[in-house]
Protein backbone atom coordinates (compact mmCIF):
# COMPACT_ATOMS: atom_id res chain seq x y z
CA UNK A 1 0.00 0.00 0.00
CA UNK A 2 1.48 3.36 -1.07
CA UNK A 3 2.21 6.06 1.50
CA UNK A 4 -0.25 8.60 0.04
CA UNK A 5 -2.95 5.92 -0.14
CA UNK A 6 -2.54 5.28 3.56
CA UNK A 7 -2.95 8.95 4.31
CA UNK A 8 -6.15 9.13 2.26
CA UNK A 9 -7.46 6.02 3.99
CA UNK A 10 -6.79 7.44 7.44
CA UNK A 11 -8.56 10.68 6.65
CA UNK A 12 -11.60 8.91 5.20
CA UNK A 13 -12.01 6.20 7.82
CA UNK A 14 -15.09 6.75 10.00
CA UNK A 15 -14.37 7.30 13.67
CA UNK A 16 -15.34 4.10 15.43
CA UNK A 17 -17.88 4.44 18.20
CA UNK A 18 -15.77 3.69 21.26
CA UNK A 19 -17.03 3.61 24.79
CA UNK A 20 -14.11 4.98 26.76
CA UNK A 21 -14.26 3.57 30.28
CA UNK A 22 -12.19 4.18 33.40
CA UNK A 23 -10.68 1.20 35.18
CA UNK A 24 -12.82 0.18 38.17
CA UNK A 25 -11.19 0.62 41.56
CA UNK A 26 -12.22 -2.90 42.57
CA UNK A 27 -11.84 -6.05 40.46
CA UNK A 28 -14.54 -8.64 39.73
CA UNK A 29 -14.64 -11.18 42.57
CA UNK A 30 -15.98 -14.70 41.94
CA UNK A 31 -18.62 -15.85 44.41
CA UNK A 32 -16.69 -19.10 44.80
CA UNK A 33 -13.65 -17.26 46.18
CA UNK A 34 -14.62 -14.22 48.26
CA UNK A 35 -11.93 -11.82 49.46
CA UNK A 36 -10.90 -11.74 53.12
CA UNK A 37 -7.92 -10.01 54.70
CA UNK A 38 -6.58 -13.30 56.02
CA UNK A 39 -6.80 -14.97 52.60
CA UNK A 40 -5.20 -11.99 50.84
CA UNK A 41 -2.29 -12.09 53.29
CA UNK A 42 -1.90 -15.85 52.80
CA UNK A 43 -1.96 -15.43 49.01
CA UNK A 44 0.58 -12.64 49.17
CA UNK A 45 2.89 -14.75 51.31
CA UNK A 46 2.64 -17.68 48.90
CA UNK A 47 3.22 -15.31 45.95
CA UNK A 48 6.59 -14.27 47.41
CA UNK A 49 7.67 -17.63 48.82
CA UNK A 50 10.31 -19.44 46.69
CA UNK A 51 9.79 -22.63 48.67
CA UNK A 52 6.83 -23.51 46.47
CA UNK A 53 9.22 -24.00 43.56
CA UNK A 54 11.13 -27.25 43.21
CA UNK A 55 14.58 -25.83 43.95
CA UNK A 56 13.34 -23.21 46.38
CA UNK A 57 14.72 -20.39 44.26
CA UNK A 58 11.73 -19.17 42.22
CA UNK A 59 8.63 -17.40 43.51
CA UNK A 60 5.65 -16.09 41.58
CA UNK A 61 7.23 -12.67 41.99
CA UNK A 62 10.43 -13.81 40.25
CA UNK A 63 8.67 -13.58 36.90
CA UNK A 64 5.74 -11.33 37.82
CA UNK A 65 7.76 -8.69 39.65
CA UNK A 66 5.16 -6.42 41.21
CA UNK A 67 7.82 -3.87 42.18
CA UNK A 68 8.32 -3.27 38.46
CA UNK A 69 5.71 -3.68 35.73
CA UNK A 70 4.41 -7.04 36.94
CA UNK A 71 6.72 -8.92 34.55
CA UNK A 72 10.44 -9.74 34.42
CA UNK A 73 11.64 -7.52 31.58
CA UNK A 74 13.06 -10.51 29.66
CA UNK A 75 12.18 -11.71 26.18
CA UNK A 76 11.09 -15.05 27.66
CA UNK A 77 10.90 -16.20 31.25
CA UNK A 78 13.73 -18.04 33.01
CA UNK A 79 13.10 -20.56 35.81
CA UNK A 80 15.92 -22.46 37.51
CA UNK A 81 18.18 -21.56 34.60
CA UNK A 82 15.77 -22.97 32.01
CA UNK A 83 14.41 -20.70 29.31
CA UNK A 84 10.67 -20.59 28.97
CA UNK A 85 8.94 -20.43 25.61
CA UNK A 86 7.11 -17.12 25.89
CA UNK A 87 7.29 -13.61 27.26
CA UNK A 88 5.97 -13.10 30.79
CA UNK A 89 2.75 -11.02 30.75
CA UNK A 90 2.17 -8.48 33.47
CA UNK A 91 0.19 -9.59 36.51
CA UNK A 92 -1.07 -6.04 37.15
CA UNK A 93 -4.75 -5.64 36.17
CA UNK A 94 -4.94 -9.27 35.04
CA UNK A 95 -8.04 -9.57 37.22
CA UNK A 96 -9.89 -7.94 34.30
CA UNK A 97 -8.62 -10.42 31.67
CA UNK A 98 -10.71 -13.42 30.67
CA UNK A 99 -7.89 -15.48 29.13
CA UNK A 100 -4.73 -16.14 31.12
CA UNK A 101 -1.44 -17.33 29.66
CA UNK A 102 -0.73 -16.24 26.11
CA UNK A 103 -2.69 -19.18 24.70
CA UNK A 104 -5.68 -18.62 26.99
CA UNK A 105 -5.51 -22.09 28.53
CA UNK A 106 -6.68 -20.71 31.88
CA UNK A 107 -9.67 -18.43 32.33
CA UNK A 108 -9.21 -17.66 36.02
CA UNK A 109 -6.41 -16.87 38.43
CA UNK A 110 -7.22 -20.10 40.25
CA UNK A 111 -6.56 -22.16 37.11
CA UNK A 112 -3.47 -20.07 36.37
CA UNK A 113 -1.93 -20.93 39.74
CA UNK A 114 -2.60 -24.62 39.31
CA UNK A 115 -0.81 -24.72 35.96
CA UNK A 116 2.13 -22.55 37.04
CA UNK A 117 3.18 -24.42 40.16
CA UNK A 118 3.72 -27.73 38.36
CA UNK A 119 4.88 -26.38 34.98
CA UNK A 120 8.46 -27.45 34.23
CA UNK A 121 9.29 -23.99 32.83
CA UNK A 122 7.84 -22.18 35.83
CA UNK A 123 7.76 -23.40 39.46
CA UNK A 124 8.55 -26.98 38.39
CA UNK A 125 7.08 -28.76 41.42
CA UNK A 126 7.01 -32.54 40.94
CA UNK A 127 3.25 -32.69 41.44
CA UNK A 128 0.57 -31.04 43.50
CA UNK A 129 1.09 -33.38 46.43
CA UNK A 130 4.68 -32.13 46.72
CA UNK A 131 3.36 -28.57 47.02
CA UNK A 132 0.95 -29.61 49.76
CA UNK A 133 3.69 -31.54 51.60
CA UNK A 134 6.01 -28.52 51.51
CA UNK A 135 3.42 -26.21 53.02
CA UNK A 136 2.17 -28.79 55.51
CA UNK A 137 5.72 -28.99 56.91
CA UNK A 138 5.72 -25.26 57.73
CA UNK A 139 3.72 -24.60 60.94
CA UNK A 140 3.00 -20.97 60.08
CA UNK A 141 1.21 -21.96 56.90
CA UNK A 142 -0.99 -24.45 58.73
CA UNK A 143 -2.13 -21.57 60.94
CA UNK A 144 -2.71 -19.24 58.00
CA UNK A 145 -4.85 -21.77 56.11
CA UNK A 146 -7.00 -22.30 59.21
CA UNK A 147 -7.56 -18.52 59.38
CA UNK A 148 -8.36 -18.26 55.67
CA UNK A 149 -10.65 -21.19 54.88
CA UNK A 150 -13.65 -22.75 56.57
CA UNK A 151 -12.18 -26.24 56.31
CA UNK A 152 -8.75 -24.95 57.30
CA UNK A 153 -7.00 -27.43 55.03
CA UNK A 154 -3.95 -27.10 52.81
CA UNK A 155 -5.42 -28.35 49.53
CA UNK A 156 -4.82 -27.75 45.83
CA UNK A 157 -7.93 -25.60 45.56
CA UNK A 158 -7.20 -23.59 48.69
CA UNK A 159 -3.63 -22.85 47.60
CA UNK A 160 -4.85 -21.67 44.20
CA UNK A 161 -7.67 -19.63 45.75
CA UNK A 162 -5.32 -17.87 48.15
CA UNK A 163 -2.84 -16.87 45.43
CA UNK A 164 -5.71 -15.71 43.21
CA UNK A 165 -7.17 -13.61 46.02
CA UNK A 166 -3.96 -11.64 46.38
CA UNK A 167 -3.46 -11.26 42.63
CA UNK A 168 -6.92 -9.66 42.32
CA UNK A 169 -5.71 -6.79 44.52
CA UNK A 170 -3.08 -5.86 41.93
CA UNK A 171 -4.88 -3.14 40.00
CA UNK A 172 -3.70 0.33 38.94
CA UNK A 173 -6.59 2.79 38.51
CA UNK A 174 -6.53 6.58 38.26
CA UNK A 175 -4.23 6.92 35.26
CA UNK A 176 -4.29 10.21 33.32
CA UNK A 177 -6.58 8.46 30.83
CA UNK A 178 -8.97 7.40 33.63
CA UNK A 179 -9.12 10.92 35.01
CA UNK A 180 -9.79 12.27 31.52
CA UNK A 181 -12.72 9.98 30.75
CA UNK A 182 -14.43 10.70 34.06
CA UNK A 183 -14.33 14.43 33.44
CA UNK A 184 -10.88 15.96 34.00
CA UNK A 185 -10.24 17.32 30.51
CA UNK A 186 -6.80 18.61 31.52
CA UNK A 187 -5.57 15.13 32.47
CA UNK A 188 -4.34 14.40 28.91
CA UNK A 189 -2.05 16.47 26.74
CA UNK A 190 -3.16 17.62 23.30
CA UNK A 191 -0.93 15.00 21.71
CA UNK A 192 -2.41 12.24 23.87
CA UNK A 193 -5.95 13.24 22.87
CA UNK A 194 -4.93 13.17 19.19
CA UNK A 195 -3.40 9.72 19.75
CA UNK A 196 -6.52 8.53 21.55
CA UNK A 197 -8.74 9.53 18.62
CA UNK A 198 -6.36 7.94 16.11
CA UNK A 199 -6.26 4.74 18.21
CA UNK A 200 -10.03 4.46 17.77
CA UNK A 201 -10.17 5.68 14.16
CA UNK A 202 -7.79 3.10 12.69
CA UNK A 203 -9.37 0.24 14.64
CA UNK A 204 -7.00 -0.55 17.53
CA UNK A 205 -9.95 -0.50 19.91
CA UNK A 206 -11.71 -3.31 18.06
CA UNK A 207 -9.50 -5.70 20.03
CA UNK A 208 -8.05 -3.54 22.79
CA UNK A 209 -11.39 -2.50 24.24
CA UNK A 210 -13.14 -2.11 27.59
CA UNK A 211 -11.59 -0.48 30.69
CA UNK A 212 -8.52 -2.73 30.69
CA UNK A 213 -7.89 -2.44 26.93
CA UNK A 214 -7.87 -6.25 26.80
CA UNK A 215 -11.37 -6.91 25.49
CA UNK A 216 -14.52 -8.06 27.27
CA UNK A 217 -14.46 -10.59 30.07
CA UNK A 218 -15.89 -13.63 28.37
CA UNK A 219 -16.70 -17.01 29.86
CA UNK A 220 -15.09 -20.11 28.41
CA UNK A 221 -12.16 -19.49 26.09
CA UNK A 222 -11.99 -15.77 26.66
CA UNK A 223 -11.01 -12.95 24.32
CA UNK A 224 -8.47 -14.24 21.81
CA UNK A 225 -7.43 -12.96 18.37
CA UNK A 226 -5.21 -13.96 15.46
CA UNK A 227 -1.71 -12.51 15.45
CA UNK A 228 -0.43 -11.80 12.93
CA UNK A 229 -3.80 -11.42 11.27
CA UNK A 230 -2.32 -10.32 7.94
CA UNK A 231 0.55 -12.64 7.07
CA UNK A 232 3.25 -11.69 4.59
CA UNK A 233 4.92 -8.55 5.91
CA UNK A 234 8.66 -8.36 6.55
CA UNK A 235 7.85 -8.32 10.27
CA UNK A 236 6.92 -12.02 10.15
CA UNK A 237 10.52 -13.04 9.60
CA UNK A 238 12.23 -10.07 11.25
CA UNK A 239 10.60 -10.87 14.59
CA UNK A 240 9.89 -14.56 14.07
CA UNK A 241 6.16 -14.00 14.59
CA UNK A 242 4.97 -17.28 13.06
CA UNK A 243 7.28 -19.81 14.75
CA UNK A 244 4.99 -20.26 17.77
CA UNK A 245 1.51 -21.37 16.73
CA UNK A 246 -0.14 -20.10 19.91
CA UNK A 247 -3.33 -21.71 21.19
CA UNK A 248 -2.98 -24.50 18.63
CA UNK A 249 -0.24 -26.04 20.81
CA UNK A 250 -2.81 -26.37 23.60
CA UNK A 251 -5.87 -27.48 21.62
CA UNK A 252 -4.50 -29.01 18.37
CA UNK A 253 -7.35 -27.30 16.55
CA UNK A 254 -6.36 -25.95 13.14
CA UNK A 255 -8.54 -22.87 13.71
CA UNK A 256 -6.48 -22.01 16.78
CA UNK A 257 -3.19 -21.52 14.95
CA UNK A 258 -1.64 -18.17 15.85
CA UNK A 259 -4.52 -17.40 18.19
CA UNK A 260 -3.48 -15.39 21.24
CA UNK A 261 -5.13 -13.62 24.12
CA UNK A 262 -5.38 -9.86 23.73
CA UNK A 263 -2.96 -8.39 26.29
CA UNK A 264 -3.84 -5.37 28.36
CA UNK A 265 -2.41 -2.01 27.29
CA UNK A 266 -2.46 -0.75 30.87
CA UNK A 267 1.05 0.25 32.03
CA UNK A 268 2.38 -0.92 28.67
CA UNK A 269 5.28 1.51 28.78
CA UNK A 270 6.61 -0.49 31.75
CA UNK A 271 6.38 -3.97 30.24
CA UNK A 272 8.85 -4.09 27.34
CA UNK A 273 9.83 -6.21 25.46
CA UNK A 274 6.61 -6.90 23.57
CA UNK A 275 4.57 -9.71 22.00
CA UNK A 276 4.36 -13.38 22.90
CA UNK A 277 8.03 -14.01 22.12
CA UNK A 278 9.36 -10.77 23.57
CA UNK A 279 11.11 -10.05 20.27
CA UNK A 280 10.26 -6.35 20.02
CA UNK A 281 12.25 -4.04 22.27
CA UNK A 282 10.40 -0.74 21.87
CA UNK A 283 6.82 0.40 22.08
CA UNK A 284 7.26 2.52 18.95
CA UNK A 285 8.18 -0.56 16.91
CA UNK A 286 5.34 -2.56 18.49
CA UNK A 287 2.80 0.05 17.34
CA UNK A 288 4.18 -0.04 13.78
CA UNK A 289 3.98 -3.84 13.71
CA UNK A 290 0.43 -3.98 15.06
CA UNK A 291 -0.80 -1.41 12.53
CA UNK A 292 0.73 -3.36 9.65
CA UNK A 293 -0.04 -6.95 10.69
CA UNK A 294 -3.49 -6.40 12.18
CA UNK A 295 -4.92 -3.43 10.27
CA UNK A 296 -2.79 -3.35 7.09
CA UNK A 297 -1.93 0.28 7.73
CA UNK A 298 1.51 1.90 7.52
CA UNK A 299 1.56 4.70 10.06
CA UNK A 300 3.63 7.85 9.65
CA UNK A 301 6.27 8.61 12.33
CA UNK A 302 4.06 11.41 13.66
CA UNK A 303 1.06 9.12 13.95
CA UNK A 304 3.13 6.53 15.82
CA UNK A 305 4.35 9.21 18.23
CA UNK A 306 0.77 10.30 18.89
CA UNK A 307 -0.43 6.76 19.63
CA UNK A 308 2.57 6.10 21.88
CA UNK A 309 1.80 9.33 23.73
CA UNK A 310 -1.74 8.08 24.31
CA UNK A 311 -0.47 4.70 25.52
CA UNK A 312 1.71 6.55 28.02
CA UNK A 313 -1.48 7.93 29.57
CA UNK A 314 -2.56 4.38 30.53
CA UNK A 315 -0.01 4.10 33.34
CA UNK A 316 -1.98 4.09 36.57
CA UNK A 317 -1.31 4.42 40.27
CA UNK A 318 0.39 1.40 41.82
CA UNK A 319 -0.77 0.53 45.34
CA UNK A 320 2.08 0.39 47.82
CA UNK A 321 3.42 -3.09 48.35
CA UNK A 322 5.17 -4.36 51.47
CA UNK A 323 7.04 -7.65 51.52
CA UNK A 324 5.50 -10.37 53.69
CA UNK A 325 7.37 -12.14 56.47
CA UNK A 326 7.59 -15.75 55.33
CA UNK A 327 6.62 -18.44 57.88
CA UNK A 328 9.70 -20.03 59.42
CA UNK A 329 10.54 -23.71 59.76
CA UNK A 330 13.06 -24.76 62.40
CA UNK A 331 15.51 -27.64 62.43
CA UNK A 332 14.61 -29.22 59.08
CA UNK A 333 14.74 -28.45 55.37
CA UNK A 334 11.53 -28.64 53.39
CA UNK A 335 13.45 -28.64 50.11
CA UNK A 336 15.84 -31.60 50.18
CA UNK A 337 13.59 -34.45 49.07
CA UNK A 338 12.23 -32.82 45.95
CA UNK A 339 15.63 -31.62 44.77
CA UNK A 340 17.50 -34.89 45.20
CA UNK A 341 14.85 -37.57 45.53
CA UNK A 342 11.95 -36.99 43.17
CA UNK A 343 13.25 -35.24 40.08
């Protein structure tokens, strides 16, 4: 597509009707896992405890670093010296996402925790019983589970529920964009407003919609889209976009090839590198690639700058985080058997 043709197209495109929405200050809470202070504290403690990884060196926070952007800043994750296959998505605001993991194989935080703890490229626990045995051997955890759950037991479901409860507190409302859409018309710069309108006009919001810019919260398989949608650009080979077939690796359905969850754009300036393989180092390049591969549009440098300026306005306020005091165990090691005996 010629440069002047693109310009004509952009000026003639109708402005899409977009419902701009501020991020809620509270996340959706499932009735099957209500929030309590005791359960949040237990989940937070588990989130930061490396003892629920096989070698005792990796915690949930190792990859989803909440003191940064909720990710690890690497192209792909690393656990116990082993490279993972995909980029680590941010955990911040994931409570508003209906498809967890890049391939959408989990549709709740509870499912996400269950996969992660026994995944060989993540926490790498031998099995779920080994997780339970670890925690059962730590007296402080036995007390915390009693305070958090009616049955007081250390079970697979209770562990997952506790971690999920804490993760749902990780939201960042009150960004400049949020303040703008609820009435503060000085919250965005002129360039950010131009970028916001362009974001809608060229169709970015057809996928990156709703308050979290990650699509609607759908039941079942969640909000997933083809990427790249338009195959054949130089970006396919430059950034190796087609090597990983996405959801197809989970379902083996031909229709799921290169199907991915739509990631949130919240705090996106803090979560480089970008895309499922972490191959793109800058947000500017990511915007160019998305316009070409999803919308078949070649943006001008000025247009890219305007959209990036708008994306900068999506950085919200991070609630203060304090590190938990991990429950102690005296006179024994809870790690030895799994390191040397079972793996």
